[in-house]
Amino acid sequence: MNKNIMNKTWIWLLLIAFLCILLIYVAKKKTKWFGLMLSILFFVVSIFIVVYSKSMTSSYLILFGIFIIANIPTVIQLIIFFKYREK
């Protein structure tokens, strides 16, 4: 069981590393829209998560927290995009 968790962890870490490298590559392209597409997609997904969660809770504070947590990947992608876009 413990070895299975370690294998999954390595797979997720490799996937995240690959996505970061892909984001850096796309950010360095001449057209800026390719780099922003992933961020826009993640933002739309976070809105869908909040809309879906609305049926499970009536607290707006919890929904706001879900929105903030769901947008962490969007913020990370935008940071990578603007950091490598300037160069």
Protein backbone atom coordinates (compact mmCIF):
# COMPACT_ATOMS: atom_id res chain seq x y z
CA MET A 1 0.00 0.00 0.00
CA ASN A 2 2.78 2.44 0.89
CA LYS A 3 4.62 1.71 -2.36
CA ASN A 4 1.45 2.42 -4.33
CA ILE A 5 1.14 5.85 -2.69
CA MET A 6 4.78 6.63 -3.53
CA ASN A 7 4.25 5.68 -7.19
CA LYS A 8 1.20 7.93 -7.42
CA THR A 9 3.12 10.77 -5.78
CA TRP A 10 5.92 10.49 -8.34
CA ILE A 11 3.43 10.41 -11.19
CA TRP A 12 1.74 13.58 -9.92
CA LEU A 13 5.07 15.34 -9.39
CA LEU A 14 6.20 14.46 -12.91
CA LEU A 15 2.88 15.67 -14.31
CA ILE A 16 3.17 18.99 -12.46
CA ALA A 17 6.78 19.42 -13.61
CA PHE A 18 5.77 18.70 -17.21
CA LEU A 19 2.94 21.23 -17.02
CA CYS A 20 5.28 23.90 -15.61
CA ILE A 21 7.77 23.28 -18.43
CA LEU A 22 4.93 23.42 -20.95
CA LEU A 23 3.69 26.72 -19.47
CA ILE A 24 7.17 28.24 -19.66
CA TYR A 25 7.51 27.10 -23.29
CA VAL A 26 4.10 28.51 -24.24
CA ALA A 27 4.76 31.79 -22.40
CA LYS A 28 7.89 32.37 -24.48
CA LYS A 29 5.97 32.07 -27.75
CA LYS A 30 5.30 35.24 -29.71
CA THR A 31 1.52 35.00 -29.48
CA LYS A 32 0.32 35.69 -25.98
CA TRP A 33 -3.07 33.98 -26.37
CA PHE A 34 -1.62 30.48 -26.15
CA GLY A 35 -0.22 31.23 -22.72
CA LEU A 36 -3.43 32.77 -21.47
CA MET A 37 -5.71 29.98 -22.72
CA LEU A 38 -4.81 27.61 -19.89
CA SER A 39 -5.35 30.30 -17.28
CA ILE A 40 -8.73 31.20 -18.74
CA LEU A 41 -9.67 27.52 -18.87
CA PHE A 42 -8.76 27.01 -15.21
CA PHE A 43 -10.70 30.13 -14.23
CA VAL A 44 -13.81 28.82 -16.02
CA VAL A 45 -13.39 25.44 -14.30
CA SER A 46 -13.18 27.18 -10.92
CA ILE A 47 -16.46 28.96 -11.65
CA PHE A 48 -18.07 25.61 -12.49
CA ILE A 49 -16.73 24.18 -9.21
CA VAL A 50 -18.32 27.04 -7.26
CA VAL A 51 -21.64 26.68 -9.12
CA TYR A 52 -21.64 22.94 -8.44
CA SER A 53 -20.74 23.50 -4.78
CA LYS A 54 -23.63 25.96 -4.41
CA SER A 55 -26.02 23.00 -4.29
CA MET A 56 -24.08 21.50 -1.37
CA THR A 57 -23.79 24.51 0.90
CA SER A 58 -25.66 27.72 1.57
CA SER A 59 -22.76 29.60 3.15
CA TYR A 60 -21.28 32.29 0.95
CA LEU A 61 -18.10 32.29 3.03
CA ILE A 62 -17.51 28.62 2.20
CA LEU A 63 -18.23 29.31 -1.48
CA PHE A 64 -15.75 32.18 -1.43
CA GLY A 65 -13.13 29.88 0.12
CA ILE A 66 -13.80 27.26 -2.56
CA PHE A 67 -13.41 29.95 -5.23
CA ILE A 68 -10.07 31.10 -3.77
CA ILE A 69 -8.73 27.55 -3.46
CA ALA A 70 -9.93 26.60 -6.95
CA ASN A 71 -8.10 29.61 -8.42
CA ILE A 72 -4.69 28.76 -6.96
CA PRO A 73 -3.65 26.99 -10.21
CA THR A 74 -4.89 30.00 -12.20
CA VAL A 75 -2.73 32.38 -10.16
CA ILE A 76 0.32 30.11 -10.45
CA GLN A 77 -0.13 29.90 -14.22
CA LEU A 78 -0.48 33.67 -14.53
CA ILE A 79 2.66 34.19 -12.44
CA ILE A 80 4.61 31.81 -14.68
CA PHE A 81 3.17 33.43 -17.80
CA PHE A 82 4.02 37.01 -16.85
CA LYS A 83 7.43 36.10 -15.41
CA TYR A 84 8.60 34.39 -18.58
CA ARG A 85 6.66 36.58 -20.99
CA GLU A 86 8.78 39.65 -20.22
CA LYS A 87 12.05 37.98 -21.24
